Amino acid sequence: MSTIFVTEQGALLKKSGRRILITKDKKVILERHFSDVARILLFGNIQLSTQLISSVLQEGIDVSFFSMFGKYKGRLVGQNSKNIYTKLSQLTYWNDKEFSLSLAKETIAYKILGQQKVLMKRRNGINITDSPIADSIKKLQKYREEVFKQTDLSKLRGVEGISSKNYFSCWDYILPEEFPFEKRSRRPALNEVNSVLNFSYTLLLNEITGILNSYGFDVLFGYYHSLKYGRISLTLDVMELFRPILIDQWVIQMFRERKLTKNIFSNNEENGIRFTNEGLKMFLAQYQKWINQIEANKLIEIYVKGLEKSYMEGKVDGIKQGAEKVLPYLL
């Protein structure tokens, strides 16, 4: 089952029998059977017919809405999982500070391990034995050990913040000279690499939210990110592990292999650096290829199953087992 990315402005999605048609100016530009589609992502001015909306809700196909530049707006989803027991277990332990801290420690420890592995990955022309990269790898190991000494979430966030700053400080030694990284910048993105990271994380956020919903989790109740109106904290928690191993290593690879070039970006003083329309289409094709290649949804689901087990049993063993299964596969 595949994901459909629609970027053609003015396109209309409608139903024809058991098929989804994407049309523009009354011409069909793409056709897919309902059984072949897992989700639909719409970018910009795209319309859906009422009949199609009714069908995707019934078929359980998520539809997500983004701006032309990839800013997430919201989702159209059918009935969520009926597994009330997962949600009850989640809410039972949500206010257990000791348990939440234990889950958070495991998540951040594995995230830092993933960051270490990304920096240690063999790359032509990169020396990691006697360089700033080697120094950062050692520091990350120290921060990983510090994770388990923290007594509350605020202190743990401090360790995670400094470890991420150290991790990203090495990226200029890995990336091509024509794509300087300098530092992590979110919105607006100050360079091409940050723009790709921001957009890729948004896509990953969408994937993880869908899987968590399918298992019956309430994504508003996290164990690491604080409770905030409208924030999908649990999605952000789960995503911490997958940032380096699903997104970061791939983004570095794409720039090093020159699959992302200057001409697919545009610069706007207010919005920062973004994809051009053609650049967005090219990037989404590459992203879909990567996600399919590594079977990302299966990997995320392994970890979510582990999280479910942790909440059902009140132990961290579940997410530890999930992380141990996921990390070696990619790194």
Protein backbone atom coordinates (compact mmCIF):
# COMPACT_ATOMS: atom_id res chain seq x y z
CA MET A 1 0.00 0.00 0.00
CA SER A 2 1.34 3.40 -0.97
CA THR A 3 1.16 7.06 -0.06
CA ILE A 4 -0.20 9.50 -2.64
CA PHE A 5 1.46 12.93 -2.63
CA VAL A 6 -0.56 15.60 -4.48
CA THR A 7 1.26 18.86 -5.27
CA GLU A 8 -0.50 19.89 -8.51
CA GLN A 9 -2.27 23.15 -7.65
CA GLY A 10 -5.94 23.17 -8.58
CA ALA A 11 -6.17 19.38 -8.72
CA LEU A 12 -9.38 17.59 -7.76
CA LEU A 13 -9.57 14.18 -6.12
CA LYS A 14 -12.76 12.24 -6.70
CA LYS A 15 -14.18 8.74 -6.58
CA SER A 16 -14.96 6.51 -9.54
CA GLY A 17 -16.25 3.12 -8.47
CA ARG A 18 -13.50 1.57 -6.32
CA ARG A 19 -10.83 3.93 -7.60
CA ILE A 20 -9.40 7.31 -6.62
CA LEU A 21 -8.99 9.71 -9.53
CA ILE A 22 -6.78 12.78 -9.44
CA THR A 23 -7.83 15.21 -12.13
CA LYS A 24 -6.97 18.69 -13.36
CA ASP A 25 -8.79 20.59 -16.08
CA LYS A 26 -11.01 17.49 -16.46
CA LYS A 27 -8.00 15.31 -17.33
CA VAL A 28 -7.01 12.31 -15.18
CA ILE A 29 -3.38 12.66 -14.04
CA LEU A 30 -3.33 9.71 -11.60
CA GLU A 31 -5.57 6.75 -10.80
CA ARG A 32 -5.33 4.32 -7.89
CA HIS A 33 -7.51 1.57 -6.43
CA PHE A 34 -8.64 2.15 -2.83
CA SER A 35 -7.00 -1.09 -1.71
CA ASP A 36 -3.60 0.17 -2.92
CA VAL A 37 -3.61 3.42 -0.91
CA ALA A 38 -2.69 3.81 2.76
CA ARG A 39 -2.69 7.60 3.01
CA ILE A 40 -3.00 10.78 0.94
CA LEU A 41 -0.96 13.95 1.49
CA LEU A 42 -2.20 17.18 -0.08
CA PHE A 43 0.00 20.25 -0.57
CA GLY A 44 -1.63 23.60 -1.23
CA ASN A 45 -4.82 24.26 -3.20
CA ILE A 46 -6.21 20.75 -3.69
CA GLN A 47 -9.90 19.80 -3.60
CA LEU A 48 -11.70 16.60 -2.59
CA SER A 49 -15.19 15.58 -3.66
CA THR A 50 -17.78 14.81 -0.98
CA GLN A 51 -18.09 11.24 -2.28
CA LEU A 52 -14.35 10.69 -1.95
CA ILE A 53 -14.28 12.10 1.58
CA SER A 54 -17.00 9.66 2.61
CA SER A 55 -15.13 6.74 1.03
CA VAL A 56 -11.69 7.47 2.52
CA LEU A 57 -13.28 7.74 5.97
CA GLN A 58 -14.95 4.37 5.45
CA GLU A 59 -11.81 2.76 4.01
CA GLY A 60 -9.59 4.05 6.81
CA ILE A 61 -7.37 6.10 4.48
CA ASP A 62 -5.88 9.12 6.27
CA VAL A 63 -5.80 12.41 4.37
CA SER A 64 -3.33 15.06 5.59
CA PHE A 65 -3.30 18.70 4.57
CA PHE A 66 -0.17 20.84 4.17
CA SER A 67 0.55 24.29 2.81
CA MET A 68 2.41 24.52 -0.50
CA PHE A 69 5.61 24.84 1.54
CA GLY A 70 4.99 21.82 3.73
CA LYS A 71 3.48 23.39 6.85
CA TYR A 72 1.19 20.83 8.46
CA LYS A 73 -2.45 21.94 8.79
CA GLY A 74 -4.41 18.90 9.91
CA ARG A 75 -5.77 15.47 9.08
CA LEU A 76 -8.96 13.83 7.94
CA VAL A 77 -9.30 10.47 9.67
CA GLY A 78 -12.01 7.91 10.11
CA GLN A 79 -12.89 6.21 13.36
CA ASN A 80 -9.78 5.67 15.46
CA SER A 81 -8.83 2.34 16.98
CA LYS A 82 -11.44 0.79 19.26
CA ASN A 83 -8.69 -0.48 21.57
CA ILE A 84 -9.81 1.37 24.69
CA TYR A 85 -7.44 -0.72 26.87
CA THR A 86 -4.33 0.89 25.39
CA LYS A 87 -5.71 4.37 26.04
CA LEU A 88 -6.76 3.44 29.59
CA SER A 89 -3.28 2.12 30.36
CA GLN A 90 -1.72 5.24 28.87
CA LEU A 91 -3.88 7.55 30.97
CA THR A 92 -3.34 5.42 34.08
CA TYR A 93 0.42 5.94 33.89
CA TRP A 94 0.40 9.42 32.36
CA ASN A 95 0.57 11.15 35.76
CA ASP A 96 3.12 8.67 37.15
CA LYS A 97 6.19 10.90 37.05
CA GLU A 98 8.65 8.12 37.84
CA PHE A 99 7.32 5.90 35.07
CA SER A 100 7.22 8.75 32.54
CA LEU A 101 10.79 9.68 33.42
CA SER A 102 11.88 6.08 32.90
CA LEU A 103 10.27 5.96 29.45
CA ALA A 104 11.81 9.32 28.55
CA LYS A 105 15.29 8.24 29.64
CA GLU A 106 15.16 5.16 27.43
CA THR A 107 13.90 7.16 24.45
CA ILE A 108 16.56 9.87 24.73
CA ALA A 109 19.34 7.36 25.41
CA TYR A 110 18.49 5.50 22.22
CA LYS A 111 18.15 8.77 20.32
CA ILE A 112 21.69 9.75 21.35
CA LEU A 113 22.92 6.29 20.37
CA GLY A 114 21.33 6.86 16.97
CA GLN A 115 23.12 10.21 16.70
CA GLN A 116 26.41 8.50 17.52
CA LYS A 117 25.82 5.90 14.83
CA VAL A 118 24.99 8.58 12.24
CA LEU A 119 28.32 10.30 12.92
CA MET A 120 30.20 6.98 12.94
CA LYS A 121 28.81 5.85 9.60
CA ARG A 122 31.53 5.26 6.98
CA ARG A 123 31.60 7.95 4.30
CA ASN A 124 34.13 8.50 1.54
CA GLY A 125 36.56 11.29 2.38
CA ILE A 126 35.43 11.63 6.01
CA ASN A 127 37.90 11.00 8.83
CA ILE A 128 36.24 10.09 12.11
CA THR A 129 39.28 8.73 13.95
CA ASP A 130 41.09 12.01 14.64
CA SER A 131 38.74 14.90 14.01
CA PRO A 132 36.02 17.03 15.61
CA ILE A 133 33.64 14.21 14.71
CA ALA A 134 35.54 11.79 16.92
CA ASP A 135 35.40 14.29 19.77
CA SER A 136 31.64 14.69 19.34
CA ILE A 137 31.11 10.93 19.33
CA LYS A 138 32.92 10.71 22.67
CA LYS A 139 30.86 13.56 24.10
CA LEU A 140 27.65 11.93 22.95
CA GLN A 141 28.64 8.78 24.83
CA LYS A 142 29.14 10.88 27.94
CA TYR A 143 25.74 12.55 27.51
CA ARG A 144 24.12 9.17 26.97
CA GLU A 145 25.48 8.01 30.32
CA GLU A 146 24.31 11.25 31.94
CA VAL A 147 20.75 10.57 30.76
CA PHE A 148 20.22 7.84 33.34
CA LYS A 149 21.44 10.05 36.19
CA GLN A 150 18.74 12.69 35.74
CA THR A 151 16.08 13.01 38.42
CA ASP A 152 13.40 14.93 36.52
CA LEU A 153 12.26 15.70 32.98
CA SER A 154 13.53 19.29 32.92
CA LYS A 155 17.09 18.15 33.65
CA LEU A 156 16.76 15.37 31.09
CA ARG A 157 15.68 17.92 28.47
CA GLY A 158 18.81 19.90 29.30
CA VAL A 159 21.03 16.89 28.60
CA GLU A 160 19.16 16.14 25.39
CA GLY A 161 19.48 19.74 24.24
CA ILE A 162 23.23 19.95 24.73
CA SER A 163 23.77 16.52 23.15
CA SER A 164 21.81 17.58 20.04
CA LYS A 165 23.77 20.82 19.81
CA ASN A 166 27.00 18.83 19.95
CA TYR A 167 25.71 16.36 17.35
CA PHE A 168 24.71 19.02 14.83
CA SER A 169 27.99 20.90 15.34
CA CYS A 170 29.67 18.18 13.26
CA TRP A 171 27.46 18.38 10.23
CA ASP A 172 29.62 20.92 8.41
CA TYR A 173 32.42 18.32 8.39
CA ILE A 174 30.15 15.77 6.69
CA LEU A 175 28.12 17.85 4.24
CA PRO A 176 29.41 19.26 0.92
CA GLU A 177 30.95 22.74 1.15
CA GLU A 178 28.24 24.27 -1.04
CA PHE A 179 25.65 23.36 1.61
CA PRO A 180 26.89 24.85 4.90
CA PHE A 181 24.85 23.81 7.92
CA GLU A 182 26.21 26.19 10.60
CA LYS A 183 23.52 25.40 13.17
CA ARG A 184 20.06 23.94 13.59
CA SER A 185 17.35 26.40 12.50
CA ARG A 186 13.65 25.58 12.44
CA ARG A 187 11.15 28.14 11.20
CA PRO A 188 12.30 29.87 9.17
CA ALA A 189 15.02 27.57 7.89
CA LEU A 190 18.21 29.54 7.29
CA ASN A 191 19.74 27.13 4.79
CA GLU A 192 18.86 24.27 2.48
CA VAL A 193 19.81 21.46 4.85
CA ASN A 194 17.65 22.80 7.65
CA SER A 195 14.79 23.28 5.23
CA VAL A 196 14.95 19.62 4.21
CA LEU A 197 15.21 18.50 7.84
CA ASN A 198 12.19 20.56 8.88
CA PHE A 199 10.06 19.27 6.04
CA SER A 200 11.16 15.65 6.52
CA TYR A 201 10.40 15.78 10.24
CA THR A 202 6.90 17.07 9.42
CA LEU A 203 6.30 14.09 7.12
CA LEU A 204 7.63 11.72 9.77
CA LEU A 205 5.36 13.33 12.36
CA ASN A 206 2.39 12.54 10.15
CA GLU A 207 3.42 8.89 9.75
CA ILE A 208 3.90 8.35 13.48
CA THR A 209 0.63 10.05 14.43
CA GLY A 210 -1.30 7.72 12.15
CA ILE A 211 0.30 4.61 13.63
CA LEU A 212 -0.22 5.75 17.22
CA ASN A 213 -3.89 6.46 16.49
CA SER A 214 -4.31 3.01 14.96
CA TYR A 215 -3.13 1.44 18.23
CA GLY A 216 -5.56 3.45 20.32
CA PHE A 217 -3.12 5.91 21.86
CA ASP A 218 -4.14 9.48 22.65
CA VAL A 219 -1.36 11.49 21.00
CA LEU A 220 -1.99 14.52 23.22
CA PHE A 221 -0.66 12.69 26.29
CA GLY A 222 3.11 12.27 26.08
CA TYR A 223 5.68 11.07 28.57
CA TYR A 224 8.55 13.40 27.66
CA HIS A 225 7.16 16.50 25.93
CA SER A 226 5.06 18.59 28.28
CA LEU A 227 1.30 18.87 28.04
CA LYS A 228 0.31 21.83 25.88
CA TYR A 229 -2.96 22.79 24.21
CA GLY A 230 -3.12 21.12 20.80
CA ARG A 231 0.38 19.61 20.98
CA ILE A 232 0.64 15.98 19.86
CA SER A 233 3.15 15.29 22.61
CA LEU A 234 3.21 11.50 22.33
CA THR A 235 4.00 11.71 18.61
CA LEU A 236 6.88 14.06 19.38
CA ASP A 237 8.11 11.64 22.06
CA VAL A 238 8.16 8.65 19.72
CA MET A 239 9.71 10.72 16.94
CA GLU A 240 12.80 11.46 19.05
CA LEU A 241 14.18 7.98 18.41
CA PHE A 242 13.49 8.14 14.69
CA ARG A 243 14.89 11.60 13.89
CA PRO A 244 18.53 10.46 13.48
CA ILE A 245 17.96 6.97 12.09
CA LEU A 246 15.09 7.59 9.66
CA ILE A 247 15.67 11.20 8.63
CA ASP A 248 19.11 12.60 9.50
CA GLN A 249 21.25 9.87 7.96
CA TRP A 250 19.14 9.94 4.78
CA VAL A 251 19.28 13.75 4.46
CA ILE A 252 23.08 13.69 4.81
CA GLN A 253 23.28 10.97 2.18
CA MET A 254 21.04 12.89 -0.23
CA PHE A 255 23.22 16.02 -0.05
CA ARG A 256 26.49 14.07 -0.25
CA GLU A 257 25.28 12.23 -3.35
CA ARG A 258 24.17 15.56 -4.91
CA LYS A 259 20.59 14.34 -5.25
CA LEU A 260 19.54 17.65 -3.72
CA THR A 261 20.89 20.68 -5.57
CA LYS A 262 20.68 24.46 -5.20
CA ASN A 263 18.21 24.92 -8.04
CA ILE A 264 15.36 23.11 -6.26
CA PHE A 265 15.22 25.74 -3.49
CA SER A 266 13.96 29.31 -3.31
CA ASN A 267 14.74 31.98 -0.71
CA ASN A 268 12.11 34.18 0.88
CA GLU A 269 13.01 36.72 3.58
CA GLU A 270 9.85 36.02 5.58
CA ASN A 271 9.57 32.25 5.15
CA GLY A 272 13.23 31.32 4.77
CA ILE A 273 14.51 28.75 2.31
CA ARG A 274 11.86 26.46 0.80
CA PHE A 275 11.45 24.00 -2.07
CA THR A 276 10.36 25.29 -5.44
CA ASN A 277 7.25 23.62 -6.86
CA GLU A 278 9.34 21.30 -9.01
CA GLY A 279 11.79 20.79 -6.17
CA LEU A 280 8.97 19.67 -3.88
CA LYS A 281 7.82 17.05 -6.40
CA MET A 282 11.34 15.74 -6.81
CA PHE A 283 11.94 15.62 -3.07
CA LEU A 284 8.68 13.80 -2.31
CA ALA A 285 9.53 11.15 -4.91
CA GLN A 286 12.92 10.59 -3.23
CA TYR A 287 11.33 10.54 0.22
CA GLN A 288 8.73 7.97 -0.83
CA LYS A 289 11.46 5.80 -2.34
CA TRP A 290 13.47 5.90 0.91
CA ILE A 291 10.48 5.23 3.18
CA ASN A 292 9.46 2.25 1.04
CA GLN A 293 13.01 0.94 0.82
CA ILE A 294 13.47 0.74 4.59
CA GLU A 295 9.84 -0.14 5.30
CA ALA A 296 9.66 2.76 7.73
CA ASN A 297 6.08 2.13 8.82
CA LYS A 298 6.96 -1.39 9.95
CA LEU A 299 9.89 -0.05 11.98
CA ILE A 300 7.75 2.61 13.62
CA GLU A 301 5.10 0.02 14.36
CA ILE A 302 7.64 -2.23 16.09
CA TYR A 303 8.52 0.62 18.44
CA VAL A 304 4.86 1.57 19.01
CA LYS A 305 4.06 -2.06 19.88
CA GLY A 306 6.87 -1.88 22.43
CA LEU A 307 5.43 1.32 23.86
CA GLU A 308 2.02 -0.31 24.10
CA LYS A 309 3.56 -3.21 26.00
CA SER A 310 5.29 -0.80 28.38
CA TYR A 311 2.03 0.96 29.20
CA MET A 312 0.09 -2.28 29.57
CA GLU A 313 2.70 -3.78 31.93
CA GLY A 314 3.93 -0.61 33.64
CA LYS A 315 7.55 -1.44 32.70
CA VAL A 316 10.09 0.11 30.32
CA ASP A 317 11.04 -3.29 28.89
CA GLY A 318 8.66 -2.89 25.96
CA ILE A 319 10.18 0.21 24.40
CA LYS A 320 13.68 -1.08 25.13
CA GLN A 321 12.92 -4.21 23.15
CA GLY A 322 11.35 -2.14 20.37
CA ALA A 323 14.36 0.17 20.12
CA GLU A 324 16.79 -2.76 20.13
CA LYS A 325 14.95 -4.27 17.16
CA VAL A 326 14.79 -1.02 15.18
CA LEU A 327 18.28 0.44 15.61
CA PRO A 328 20.42 -2.44 14.27
CA TYR A 329 18.25 -2.73 11.18
CA LEU A 330 19.11 0.78 10.06
CA LEU A 331 22.53 1.40 11.54
